[in-house]
Amino acid sequence: MTQAIRIHANGGPEVMLWEDVPTPEPGPGEALVRHEAVGLNYIDVYFRTGLYKAPLPATPGMEGAGVVLAVGAGVTEVKPGDRVAYAGGPIGAYATERAIAADRLVVLPDDIDATTGAAMMLQGMTAQYLLRRTYKVKAGDTIVVHAAAGGVGLIMCQWAKHLGANVIAVVSTESKAQLAMEHGAAHAVVGYGDLPAQVKRLTGGAMVPVVYDSIGRDTFGASLDCLASLGLMVSYGNASGPMPPVDIGILAAKGSLFLTRPTLNTYTAKRADLVATANDLFDVVRQGAVKIRVNQTFKLANAAAAHTALEARQTTGSTVLVP
């Protein structure tokens, strides 16, 4: 038997139950992975609450690292004994073992442990595509990053600095502002009520070419007002709730702005893109340019406590769940 968190109804953290489930058999093209660590991400909350739909009962979790125990027919990407990590759909990572499509797995370098692997795959590959593909950040750019003390945010602060950019970090507390600055942010703004004015001051009126916003509903207007003409609004999360419909005329009125709602699954849908994204992440981590901060660890069986802390904005950096 395998143990897993199961959700039989959408709701608060209390709906997540620790249950025995049959150990899956890897089918054609699949690998059976024994998890050594599982990553916690805000998207897990969306599936738990029902903001993102999944057939019930469901096991949440988009990211993990562990060892391949067995492979199904036709698998060439990995073999039993390989240390692997993954991020992205389908959900199901909150389990001691799971079967997953082998072409979604990447082999971990020997000098990256499972805890780091589980903590960095979804958040780190998200940072990679945001900074290197959605908008290709270059030396001298000034960019705005919301939730800059969170898992994706701390990676983005470091990586953007490595690229020669200046990060204006938007955070919720003074302690988080300090944390973002320690991880490469050039400036930190606490709260978003006067964010456009702060960005105008910090950029000498030039504003910024891109805003990375994972908060959603509460920050959308302020984020748009931080952009220079022809700037790009990257809305990649909904921590404050789902976005209402947007009148695209506002993009014209504020300077012919661009708006995108990207996802990691789209950017890594092709295996070649997945491997390239992961390898780029591995490179900056192994260089020491990006350090993965695992600031919280919870038992997988106690995932409800982890969700409670995450939703209360009590976490910083990355959080992992361990069997």
C-alpha atoms as a PDB file:
ATOM      1  CA  MET A   1       0.000   0.000   0.000  1.00  0.00           C
ATOM      2  CA  THR A   2       0.906   3.648  -0.517  1.00  0.00           C
ATOM      3  CA  GLN A   3      -0.131   6.603   1.649  1.00  0.00           C
ATOM      4  CA  ALA A   4      -1.544   9.746   0.106  1.00  0.00           C
ATOM      5  CA  ILE A   5      -3.443  12.910   0.914  1.00  0.00           C
ATOM      6  CA  ARG A   6      -6.942  12.621  -0.518  1.00  0.00           C
ATOM      7  CA  ILE A   7      -9.632  15.250  -0.996  1.00  0.00           C
ATOM      8  CA  HIS A   8     -13.218  14.001  -1.174  1.00  0.00           C
ATOM      9  CA  ALA A   9     -14.797  17.478  -1.163  1.00  0.00           C
ATOM     10  CA  ASN A  10     -13.456  20.948  -1.871  1.00  0.00           C
ATOM     11  CA  GLY A  11     -12.933  23.257   1.083  1.00  0.00           C
ATOM     12  CA  GLY A  12     -10.434  24.351   3.715  1.00  0.00           C
ATOM     13  CA  PRO A  13      -7.244  22.555   4.780  1.00  0.00           C
ATOM     14  CA  GLU A  14      -9.295  20.176   6.908  1.00  0.00           C
ATOM     15  CA  VAL A  15     -10.628  18.374   3.800  1.00  0.00           C
ATOM     16  CA  MET A  16      -7.194  16.849   3.178  1.00  0.00           C
ATOM     17  CA  LEU A  17      -7.141  13.321   4.633  1.00  0.00           C
ATOM     18  CA  TRP A  18      -4.161  10.954   5.000  1.00  0.00           C
ATOM     19  CA  GLU A  19      -5.273   7.595   3.604  1.00  0.00           C
ATOM     20  CA  ASP A  20      -3.963   4.231   2.456  1.00  0.00           C
ATOM     21  CA  VAL A  21      -4.287   3.716  -1.293  1.00  0.00           C
ATOM     22  CA  PRO A  22      -3.167   0.881  -3.582  1.00  0.00           C
ATOM     23  CA  THR A  23       0.380   1.250  -4.868  1.00  0.00           C
ATOM     24  CA  PRO A  24       0.036   2.166  -8.557  1.00  0.00           C
ATOM     25  CA  GLU A  25       1.504   0.046 -11.312  1.00  0.00           C
ATOM     26  CA  PRO A  26       3.366   1.995 -13.996  1.00  0.00           C
ATOM     27  CA  GLY A  27       1.599   1.676 -17.313  1.00  0.00           C
ATOM     28  CA  PRO A  28       3.122   2.092 -20.774  1.00  0.00           C
ATOM     29  CA  GLY A  29       5.225   5.242 -20.859  1.00  0.00           C
ATOM     30  CA  GLU A  30       5.050   5.654 -17.070  1.00  0.00           C
ATOM     31  CA  ALA A  31       7.488   5.399 -14.165  1.00  0.00           C
ATOM     32  CA  LEU A  32       6.767   4.572 -10.541  1.00  0.00           C
ATOM     33  CA  VAL A  33       8.503   7.122  -8.292  1.00  0.00           C
ATOM     34  CA  ARG A  34       9.041   6.818  -4.535  1.00  0.00           C
ATOM     35  CA  HIS A  35       8.962  10.376  -3.239  1.00  0.00           C
ATOM     36  CA  GLU A  36      11.697  11.619  -0.936  1.00  0.00           C
ATOM     37  CA  ALA A  37      10.224  15.135  -0.875  1.00  0.00           C
ATOM     38  CA  VAL A  38       7.198  16.935  -2.310  1.00  0.00           C
ATOM     39  CA  GLY A  39       6.990  20.652  -3.058  1.00  0.00           C
ATOM     40  CA  LEU A  40       4.271  22.927  -1.687  1.00  0.00           C
ATOM     41  CA  ASN A  41       2.871  25.518  -4.079  1.00  0.00           C
ATOM     42  CA  TYR A  42      -0.043  27.938  -4.058  1.00  0.00           C
ATOM     43  CA  ILE A  43      -1.622  26.118  -6.978  1.00  0.00           C
ATOM     44  CA  ASP A  44      -2.209  23.231  -4.542  1.00  0.00           C
ATOM     45  CA  VAL A  45      -4.573  25.534  -2.645  1.00  0.00           C
ATOM     46  CA  TYR A  46      -6.488  26.295  -5.854  1.00  0.00           C
ATOM     47  CA  PHE A  47      -7.133  22.583  -6.457  1.00  0.00           C
ATOM     48  CA  ARG A  48      -8.081  22.017  -2.812  1.00  0.00           C
ATOM     49  CA  THR A  49     -10.636  24.836  -2.774  1.00  0.00           C
ATOM     50  CA  GLY A  50     -12.048  24.026  -6.203  1.00  0.00           C
ATOM     51  CA  LEU A  51     -10.874  27.231  -7.918  1.00  0.00           C
ATOM     52  CA  TYR A  52      -9.121  24.834 -10.285  1.00  0.00           C
ATOM     53  CA  LYS A  53     -11.263  21.793 -11.000  1.00  0.00           C
ATOM     54  CA  ALA A  54     -10.207  18.165 -10.601  1.00  0.00           C
ATOM     55  CA  PRO A  55     -12.322  15.000 -10.378  1.00  0.00           C
ATOM     56  CA  LEU A  56     -12.859  13.928  -6.770  1.00  0.00           C
ATOM     57  CA  PRO A  57     -11.502  12.200  -4.815  1.00  0.00           C
ATOM     58  CA  ALA A  58      -8.200  13.820  -5.731  1.00  0.00           C
ATOM     59  CA  THR A  59      -4.624  13.918  -4.506  1.00  0.00           C
ATOM     60  CA  PRO A  60      -3.090  17.411  -4.826  1.00  0.00           C
ATOM     61  CA  GLY A  61       0.501  18.287  -5.557  1.00  0.00           C
ATOM     62  CA  MET A  62       2.365  19.321  -8.699  1.00  0.00           C
ATOM     63  CA  GLU A  63       6.001  18.770  -7.784  1.00  0.00           C
ATOM     64  CA  GLY A  64       8.215  16.106  -6.270  1.00  0.00           C
ATOM     65  CA  ALA A  65      11.581  14.406  -6.205  1.00  0.00           C
ATOM     66  CA  GLY A  66      12.576  10.837  -5.481  1.00  0.00           C
ATOM     67  CA  VAL A  67      13.787   7.570  -6.934  1.00  0.00           C
ATOM     68  CA  VAL A  68      12.420   5.566  -9.851  1.00  0.00           C
ATOM     69  CA  LEU A  69      11.295   2.143  -8.597  1.00  0.00           C
ATOM     70  CA  ALA A  70       9.997   0.666 -11.866  1.00  0.00           C
ATOM     71  CA  VAL A  71       9.101   1.672 -15.406  1.00  0.00           C
ATOM     72  CA  GLY A  72       6.382   0.604 -17.793  1.00  0.00           C
ATOM     73  CA  ALA A  73       6.673  -0.540 -21.378  1.00  0.00           C
ATOM     74  CA  GLY A  74       8.404   1.765 -23.821  1.00  0.00           C
ATOM     75  CA  VAL A  75      10.088   4.040 -21.279  1.00  0.00           C
ATOM     76  CA  THR A  76      13.465   5.356 -22.427  1.00  0.00           C
ATOM     77  CA  GLU A  77      13.774   8.636 -20.516  1.00  0.00           C
ATOM     78  CA  VAL A  78      14.577   7.135 -17.082  1.00  0.00           C
ATOM     79  CA  LYS A  79      15.411   3.774 -15.519  1.00  0.00           C
ATOM     80  CA  PRO A  80      14.969   2.169 -12.083  1.00  0.00           C
ATOM     81  CA  GLY A  81      17.362   3.692  -9.561  1.00  0.00           C
ATOM     82  CA  ASP A  82      17.478   7.123 -11.216  1.00  0.00           C
ATOM     83  CA  ARG A  83      17.092  10.137  -8.959  1.00  0.00           C
ATOM     84  CA  VAL A  84      14.436  12.289 -10.589  1.00  0.00           C
ATOM     85  CA  ALA A  85      12.308  15.374 -10.115  1.00  0.00           C
ATOM     86  CA  TYR A  86       9.282  16.837 -11.855  1.00  0.00           C
ATOM     87  CA  ALA A  87       6.850  19.728 -11.817  1.00  0.00           C
ATOM     88  CA  GLY A  88       3.537  20.384 -13.488  1.00  0.00           C
ATOM     89  CA  GLY A  89       0.355  18.451 -14.094  1.00  0.00           C
ATOM     90  CA  PRO A  90      -1.355  16.195 -13.553  1.00  0.00           C
ATOM     91  CA  ILE A  91      -1.829  16.589  -9.818  1.00  0.00           C
ATOM     92  CA  GLY A  92      -0.993  13.704  -7.492  1.00  0.00           C
ATOM     93  CA  ALA A  93       2.319  14.463  -5.763  1.00  0.00           C
ATOM     94  CA  TYR A  94       1.017  14.324  -2.159  1.00  0.00           C
ATOM     95  CA  ALA A  95       1.726  10.600  -1.969  1.00  0.00           C
ATOM     96  CA  THR A  96       4.570   8.364  -0.864  1.00  0.00           C
ATOM     97  CA  GLU A  97       4.632   6.766  -4.329  1.00  0.00           C
ATOM     98  CA  ARG A  98       3.034   7.667  -7.637  1.00  0.00           C
ATOM     99  CA  ALA A  99       3.028   6.609 -11.264  1.00  0.00           C
ATOM    100  CA  ILE A 100       3.729   9.465 -13.652  1.00  0.00           C
ATOM    101  CA  ALA A 101       4.480   9.903 -17.341  1.00  0.00           C
ATOM    102  CA  ALA A 102       8.200   9.261 -17.711  1.00  0.00           C
ATOM    103  CA  ASP A 103       8.637  12.049 -20.240  1.00  0.00           C
ATOM    104  CA  ARG A 104       7.703  14.534 -17.491  1.00  0.00           C
ATOM    105  CA  LEU A 105      10.663  13.443 -15.337  1.00  0.00           C
ATOM    106  CA  VAL A 106      14.144  14.937 -15.388  1.00  0.00           C
ATOM    107  CA  VAL A 107      17.186  13.286 -13.851  1.00  0.00           C
ATOM    108  CA  LEU A 108      18.599  15.245 -10.916  1.00  0.00           C
ATOM    109  CA  PRO A 109      22.309  16.090 -10.995  1.00  0.00           C
ATOM    110  CA  ASP A 110      24.290  14.206  -8.353  1.00  0.00           C
ATOM    111  CA  ASP A 111      25.065  17.400  -6.418  1.00  0.00           C
ATOM    112  CA  ILE A 112      21.397  18.457  -6.010  1.00  0.00           C
ATOM    113  CA  ASP A 113      19.586  16.613  -3.221  1.00  0.00           C
ATOM    114  CA  ALA A 114      15.953  15.530  -3.284  1.00  0.00           C
ATOM    115  CA  THR A 115      14.787  18.232  -0.861  1.00  0.00           C
ATOM    116  CA  THR A 116      16.263  20.948  -3.048  1.00  0.00           C
ATOM    117  CA  GLY A 117      14.916  19.239  -6.153  1.00  0.00           C
ATOM    118  CA  ALA A 118      11.388  19.089  -4.803  1.00  0.00           C
ATOM    119  CA  ALA A 119      11.560  22.675  -3.585  1.00  0.00           C
ATOM    120  CA  MET A 120      12.811  24.204  -6.793  1.00  0.00           C
ATOM    121  CA  MET A 121      11.294  22.476  -9.798  1.00  0.00           C
ATOM    122  CA  LEU A 122       7.927  24.202 -10.134  1.00  0.00           C
ATOM    123  CA  GLN A 123       9.027  27.513  -8.644  1.00  0.00           C
ATOM    124  CA  GLY A 124      12.427  27.523 -10.342  1.00  0.00           C
ATOM    125  CA  MET A 125      11.174  26.529 -13.769  1.00  0.00           C
ATOM    126  CA  THR A 126       8.407  29.117 -13.412  1.00  0.00           C
ATOM    127  CA  ALA A 127      11.071  31.743 -12.700  1.00  0.00           C
ATOM    128  CA  GLN A 128      13.043  30.503 -15.699  1.00  0.00           C
ATOM    129  CA  TYR A 129      10.283  30.863 -18.266  1.00  0.00           C
ATOM    130  CA  LEU A 130       9.095  34.183 -16.807  1.00  0.00           C
ATOM    131  CA  LEU A 131      12.560  35.765 -16.893  1.00  0.00           C
ATOM    132  CA  ARG A 132      13.995  34.078 -19.981  1.00  0.00           C
ATOM    133  CA  ARG A 133      11.025  33.574 -22.292  1.00  0.00           C
ATOM    134  CA  THR A 134       7.800  35.443 -21.371  1.00  0.00           C
ATOM    135  CA  TYR A 135       9.889  38.609 -21.168  1.00  0.00           C
ATOM    136  CA  LYS A 136      13.599  38.169 -21.828  1.00  0.00           C
ATOM    137  CA  VAL A 137      15.127  40.144 -18.968  1.00  0.00           C
ATOM    138  CA  LYS A 138      18.395  41.829 -19.875  1.00  0.00           C
ATOM    139  CA  ALA A 139      21.103  43.774 -18.068  1.00  0.00           C
ATOM    140  CA  GLY A 140      19.933  47.231 -17.061  1.00  0.00           C
ATOM    141  CA  ASP A 141      16.219  46.392 -16.961  1.00  0.00           C
ATOM    142  CA  THR A 142      14.205  47.419 -13.918  1.00  0.00           C
ATOM    143  CA  ILE A 143      11.363  44.998 -13.226  1.00  0.00           C
ATOM    144  CA  VAL A 144       8.584  44.672 -10.635  1.00  0.00           C
ATOM    145  CA  VAL A 145       8.144  41.331  -8.858  1.00  0.00           C
ATOM    146  CA  HIS A 146       5.135  40.761  -6.580  1.00  0.00           C
ATOM    147  CA  ALA A 147       5.296  38.302  -3.656  1.00  0.00           C
ATOM    148  CA  ALA A 148       9.041  38.704  -3.867  1.00  0.00           C
ATOM    149  CA  ALA A 149       9.729  36.899  -0.579  1.00  0.00           C
ATOM    150  CA  GLY A 150       7.856  33.767  -1.660  1.00  0.00           C
ATOM    151  CA  GLY A 151       9.303  30.728  -3.369  1.00  0.00           C
ATOM    152  CA  VAL A 152       9.135  31.999  -6.954  1.00  0.00           C
ATOM    153  CA  GLY A 153       9.874  35.546  -5.844  1.00  0.00           C
ATOM    154  CA  LEU A 154      13.152  34.809  -4.060  1.00  0.00           C
ATOM    155  CA  ILE A 155      14.367  32.799  -7.035  1.00  0.00           C
ATOM    156  CA  MET A 156      13.391  35.621  -9.416  1.00  0.00           C
ATOM    157  CA  CYS A 157      15.173  38.240  -7.305  1.00  0.00           C
ATOM    158  CA  GLN A 158      18.407  36.262  -7.426  1.00  0.00           C
ATOM    159  CA  TRP A 159      18.161  35.225 -11.053  1.00  0.00           C
ATOM    160  CA  ALA A 160      17.248  38.704 -12.285  1.00  0.00           C
ATOM    161  CA  LYS A 161      20.225  40.173 -10.423  1.00  0.00           C
ATOM    162  CA  HIS A 162      22.427  37.496 -12.002  1.00  0.00           C
ATOM    163  CA  LEU A 163      21.160  38.728 -15.388  1.00  0.00           C
ATOM    164  CA  GLY A 164      22.081  42.313 -14.489  1.00  0.00           C
ATOM    165  CA  ALA A 165      18.549  43.572 -13.856  1.00  0.00           C
ATOM    166  CA  ASN A 166      17.224  45.661 -10.958  1.00  0.00           C
ATOM    167  CA  VAL A 167      14.274  44.187  -9.063  1.00  0.00           C
ATOM    168  CA  ILE A 168      11.635  46.286  -7.332  1.00  0.00           C
ATOM    169  CA  ALA A 169      10.346  43.712  -4.852  1.00  0.00           C
ATOM    170  CA  VAL A 170       6.739  44.042  -3.670  1.00  0.00           C
ATOM    171  CA  VAL A 171       6.100  42.362  -0.314  1.00  0.00           C
ATOM    172  CA  SER A 172       3.620  42.431   2.559  1.00  0.00           C
ATOM    173  CA  THR A 173       5.875  43.088   5.583  1.00  0.00           C
ATOM    174  CA  GLU A 174       9.124  44.816   6.501  1.00  0.00           C
ATOM    175  CA  SER A 175      10.739  41.475   7.370  1.00  0.00           C
ATOM    176  CA  LYS A 176       9.874  40.151   3.921  1.00  0.00           C
ATOM    177  CA  ALA A 177      11.293  43.328   2.398  1.00  0.00           C
ATOM    178  CA  GLN A 178      14.585  42.613   4.159  1.00  0.00           C
ATOM    179  CA  LEU A 179      14.534  39.016   2.931  1.00  0.00           C
ATOM    180  CA  ALA A 180      13.983  40.092  -0.682  1.00  0.00           C
ATOM    181  CA  MET A 181      16.819  42.612  -0.445  1.00  0.00           C
ATOM    182  CA  GLU A 182      19.108  39.912   0.951  1.00  0.00           C
ATOM    183  CA  HIS A 183      18.305  37.830  -2.112  1.00  0.00           C
ATOM    184  CA  GLY A 184      19.190  40.399  -4.731  1.00  0.00           C
ATOM    185  CA  ALA A 185      16.344  42.901  -4.938  1.00  0.00           C
ATOM    186  CA  ALA A 186      17.524  46.455  -5.575  1.00  0.00           C
ATOM    187  CA  HIS A 187      14.481  47.997  -3.882  1.00  0.00           C
ATOM    188  CA  ALA A 188      11.570  46.774  -1.775  1.00  0.00           C
ATOM    189  CA  VAL A 189       8.070  48.217  -1.462  1.00  0.00           C
ATOM    190  CA  VAL A 190       5.810  47.096   1.386  1.00  0.00           C
ATOM    191  CA  GLY A 191       2.204  46.907   0.178  1.00  0.00           C
ATOM    192  CA  TYR A 192       0.818  47.977  -3.173  1.00  0.00           C
ATOM    193  CA  GLY A 193      -1.439  50.904  -2.266  1.00  0.00           C
ATOM    194  CA  ASP A 194       1.045  53.481  -3.549  1.00  0.00           C
ATOM    195  CA  LEU A 195       3.086  51.100  -5.712  1.00  0.00           C
ATOM    196  CA  PRO A 196       2.847  53.096  -8.977  1.00  0.00           C
ATOM    197  CA  ALA A 197       4.065  56.228  -7.195  1.00  0.00           C
ATOM    198  CA  GLN A 198       6.940  54.293  -5.644  1.00  0.00           C
ATOM    199  CA  VAL A 199       7.899  52.810  -9.009  1.00  0.00           C
ATOM    200  CA  LYS A 200       7.738  56.254 -10.606  1.00  0.00           C
ATOM    201  CA  ARG A 201      10.078  57.582  -7.901  1.00  0.00           C
ATOM    202  CA  LEU A 202      12.499  54.662  -8.147  1.00  0.00           C
ATOM    203  CA  THR A 203      12.682  54.802 -11.955  1.00  0.00           C
ATOM    204  CA  GLY A 204      12.831  58.590 -12.278  1.00  0.00           C
ATOM    205  CA  GLY A 205       9.477  58.546 -14.041  1.00  0.00           C
ATOM    206  CA  ALA A 206      10.453  55.944 -16.654  1.00  0.00           C
ATOM    207  CA  MET A 207       8.320  53.141 -15.128  1.00  0.00           C
ATOM    208  CA  VAL A 208       9.098  49.509 -15.999  1.00  0.00           C
ATOM    209  CA  PRO A 209       8.896  47.269 -19.083  1.00  0.00           C
ATOM    210  CA  VAL A 210       7.419  44.277 -17.222  1.00  0.00           C
ATOM    211  CA  VAL A 211       5.502  43.472 -14.040  1.00  0.00           C
ATOM    212  CA  TYR A 212       5.334  39.905 -12.718  1.00  0.00           C
ATOM    213  CA  ASP A 213       2.110  39.614 -10.702  1.00  0.00           C
ATOM    214  CA  SER A 214       1.129  36.407  -8.892  1.00  0.00           C
ATOM    215  CA  ILE A 215      -1.417  38.112  -6.598  1.00  0.00           C
ATOM    216  CA  GLY A 216      -4.168  38.698  -9.150  1.00  0.00           C
ATOM    217  CA  ARG A 217      -7.381  40.511  -8.337  1.00  0.00           C
ATOM    218  CA  ASP A 218      -6.119  42.888  -5.633  1.00  0.00           C
ATOM    219  CA  THR A 219      -3.003  44.101  -7.457  1.00  0.00           C
ATOM    220  CA  PHE A 220      -3.997  44.104 -11.119  1.00  0.00           C
ATOM    221  CA  GLY A 221      -4.749  47.820 -11.413  1.00  0.00           C
ATOM    222  CA  ALA A 222      -1.658  48.918  -9.499  1.00  0.00           C
ATOM    223  CA  SER A 223       0.499  46.624 -11.616  1.00  0.00           C
ATOM    224  CA  LEU A 224      -0.790  48.107 -14.877  1.00  0.00           C
ATOM    225  CA  ASP A 225       0.000  51.598 -13.589  1.00  0.00           C
ATOM    226  CA  CYS A 226       3.657  50.616 -13.055  1.00  0.00           C
ATOM    227  CA  LEU A 227       4.230  49.878 -16.734  1.00  0.00           C
ATOM    228  CA  ALA A 228       5.883  52.067 -19.306  1.00  0.00           C
ATOM    229  CA  SER A 229       4.192  52.394 -22.686  1.00  0.00           C
ATOM    230  CA  LEU A 230       4.238  49.080 -24.556  1.00  0.00           C
ATOM    231  CA  GLY A 231       4.997  47.335 -21.259  1.00  0.00           C
ATOM    232  CA  LEU A 232       4.053  43.750 -20.486  1.00  0.00           C
ATOM    233  CA  MET A 233       1.745  42.726 -17.645  1.00  0.00           C
ATOM    234  CA  VAL A 234       2.493  39.106 -16.679  1.00  0.00           C
ATOM    235  CA  SER A 235      -0.371  37.789 -14.532  1.00  0.00           C
ATOM    236  CA  TYR A 236       0.736  34.322 -13.481  1.00  0.00           C
ATOM    237  CA  GLY A 237      -1.188  33.683 -10.252  1.00  0.00           C
ATOM    238  CA  ASN A 238      -4.367  34.391  -8.282  1.00  0.00           C
ATOM    239  CA  ALA A 239      -3.314  34.453  -4.620  1.00  0.00           C
ATOM    240  CA  SER A 240      -5.898  37.141  -3.807  1.00  0.00           C
ATOM    241  CA  GLY A 241      -8.645  35.449  -5.780  1.00  0.00           C
ATOM    242  CA  PRO A 242      -9.627  34.914  -9.413  1.00  0.00           C
ATOM    243  CA  MET A 243      -9.409  37.816 -11.787  1.00  0.00           C
ATOM    244  CA  PRO A 244     -12.714  39.337 -12.952  1.00  0.00           C
ATOM    245  CA  PRO A 245     -13.199  39.929 -16.681  1.00  0.00           C
ATOM    246  CA  VAL A 246     -10.910  42.650 -18.040  1.00  0.00           C
ATOM    247  CA  ASP A 247     -11.950  45.405 -20.431  1.00  0.00           C
ATOM    248  CA  ILE A 248      -9.031  45.288 -22.857  1.00  0.00           C
ATOM    249  CA  GLY A 249      -9.631  48.940 -23.717  1.00  0.00           C
ATOM    250  CA  ILE A 250      -7.753  49.761 -20.529  1.00  0.00           C
ATOM    251  CA  LEU A 251      -4.581  48.431 -22.150  1.00  0.00           C
ATOM    252  CA  ALA A 252      -4.891  51.045 -24.896  1.00  0.00           C
ATOM    253  CA  ALA A 253      -5.650  53.839 -22.444  1.00  0.00           C
ATOM    254  CA  LYS A 254      -2.587  53.073 -20.327  1.00  0.00           C
ATOM    255  CA  GLY A 255      -0.060  53.010 -23.159  1.00  0.00           C
ATOM    256  CA  SER A 256      -0.751  50.155 -25.628  1.00  0.00           C
ATOM    257  CA  LEU A 257       0.150  47.610 -22.977  1.00  0.00           C
ATOM    258  CA  PHE A 258       0.478  43.855 -23.414  1.00  0.00           C
ATOM    259  CA  LEU A 259      -1.162  41.308 -21.101  1.00  0.00           C
ATOM    260  CA  THR A 260      -0.404  37.601 -20.784  1.00  0.00           C
ATOM    261  CA  ARG A 261      -1.550  34.791 -18.488  1.00  0.00           C
ATOM    262  CA  PRO A 262       1.158  32.133 -18.869  1.00  0.00           C
ATOM    263  CA  THR A 263       1.500  28.682 -17.311  1.00  0.00           C
ATOM    264  CA  LEU A 264       4.466  26.386 -16.799  1.00  0.00           C
ATOM    265  CA  ASN A 265       2.604  23.513 -18.444  1.00  0.00           C
ATOM    266  CA  THR A 266       2.408  25.420 -21.723  1.00  0.00           C
ATOM    267  CA  TYR A 267       6.049  26.470 -21.670  1.00  0.00           C
ATOM    268  CA  THR A 268       7.241  22.919 -20.939  1.00  0.00           C
ATOM    269  CA  ALA A 269       4.674  20.955 -22.963  1.00  0.00           C
ATOM    270  CA  LYS A 270       7.400  19.696 -25.328  1.00  0.00           C
ATOM    271  CA  ARG A 271       9.962  17.464 -23.639  1.00  0.00           C
ATOM    272  CA  ALA A 272      12.819  19.377 -25.269  1.00  0.00           C
ATOM    273  CA  ASP A 273      11.542  22.590 -23.649  1.00  0.00           C
ATOM    274  CA  LEU A 274      11.099  20.836 -20.289  1.00  0.00           C
ATOM    275  CA  VAL A 275      14.670  19.527 -20.299  1.00  0.00           C
ATOM    276  CA  ALA A 276      16.115  22.857 -21.463  1.00  0.00           C
ATOM    277  CA  THR A 277      14.176  24.753 -18.784  1.00  0.00           C
ATOM    278  CA  ALA A 278      15.279  22.342 -16.048  1.00  0.00           C
ATOM    279  CA  ASN A 279      18.905  22.388 -17.192  1.00  0.00           C
ATOM    280  CA  ASP A 280      18.966  26.193 -17.193  1.00  0.00           C
ATOM    281  CA  LEU A 281      17.658  26.099 -13.612  1.00  0.00           C
ATOM    282  CA  PHE A 282      20.166  23.441 -12.571  1.00  0.00           C
ATOM    283  CA  ASP A 283      22.990  25.558 -14.039  1.00  0.00           C
ATOM    284  CA  VAL A 284      22.232  28.708 -12.030  1.00  0.00           C
ATOM    285  CA  VAL A 285      21.712  26.696  -8.843  1.00  0.00           C
ATOM    286  CA  ARG A 286      24.972  24.784  -9.262  1.00  0.00           C
ATOM    287  CA  GLN A 287      26.811  28.048 -10.001  1.00  0.00           C
ATOM    288  CA  GLY A 288      25.508  29.481  -6.751  1.00  0.00           C
ATOM    289  CA  ALA A 289      23.793  32.345  -8.588  1.00  0.00           C
ATOM    290  CA  VAL A 290      20.443  31.119  -7.249  1.00  0.00           C
ATOM    291  CA  LYS A 291      20.169  29.565  -3.815  1.00  0.00           C
ATOM    292  CA  ILE A 292      17.032  27.569  -3.025  1.00  0.00           C
ATOM    293  CA  ARG A 293      15.813  28.454   0.453  1.00  0.00           C
ATOM    294  CA  VAL A 294      13.819  25.648   2.056  1.00  0.00           C
ATOM    295  CA  ASN A 295      12.537  27.647   5.008  1.00  0.00           C
ATOM    296  CA  GLN A 296       9.711  25.315   6.101  1.00  0.00           C
ATOM    297  CA  THR A 297       9.368  21.539   6.260  1.00  0.00           C
ATOM    298  CA  PHE A 298       6.180  19.642   7.156  1.00  0.00           C
ATOM    299  CA  LYS A 299       5.324  15.972   7.303  1.00  0.00           C
ATOM    300  CA  LEU A 300       3.336  14.989   4.205  1.00  0.00           C
ATOM    301  CA  ALA A 301       0.634  13.583   6.474  1.00  0.00           C
ATOM    302  CA  ASN A 302       0.323  17.059   8.014  1.00  0.00           C
ATOM    303  CA  ALA A 303      -0.170  18.879   4.724  1.00  0.00           C
ATOM    304  CA  ALA A 304      -3.166  20.711   6.200  1.00  0.00           C
ATOM    305  CA  ALA A 305      -0.858  22.658   8.525  1.00  0.00           C
ATOM    306  CA  ALA A 306       1.344  23.580   5.589  1.00  0.00           C
ATOM    307  CA  HIS A 307      -1.656  24.910   3.653  1.00  0.00           C
ATOM    308  CA  THR A 308      -2.802  26.903   6.676  1.00  0.00           C
ATOM    309  CA  ALA A 309       0.622  28.550   6.987  1.00  0.00           C
ATOM    310  CA  LEU A 310       0.840  29.224   3.242  1.00  0.00           C
ATOM    311  CA  GLU A 311      -2.572  30.896   3.054  1.00  0.00           C
ATOM    312  CA  ALA A 312      -1.803  33.002   6.141  1.00  0.00           C
ATOM    313  CA  ARG A 313       1.345  34.305   4.370  1.00  0.00           C
ATOM    314  CA  GLN A 314       3.457  32.831   7.173  1.00  0.00           C
ATOM    315  CA  THR A 315       5.904  31.116   4.840  1.00  0.00           C
ATOM    316  CA  THR A 316       8.930  32.486   3.015  1.00  0.00           C
ATOM    317  CA  GLY A 317      11.046  30.885   0.335  1.00  0.00           C
ATOM    318  CA  SER A 318      10.211  27.271  -0.408  1.00  0.00           C
ATOM    319  CA  THR A 319       8.331  24.683   1.638  1.00  0.00           C
ATOM    320  CA  VAL A 320       8.633  20.918   1.304  1.00  0.00           C
ATOM    321  CA  LEU A 321       6.527  18.016   2.544  1.00  0.00           C
ATOM    322  CA  VAL A 322       8.403  14.857   3.523  1.00  0.00           C
ATOM    323  CA  PRO A 323       6.963  11.327   3.877  1.00  0.00           C
END
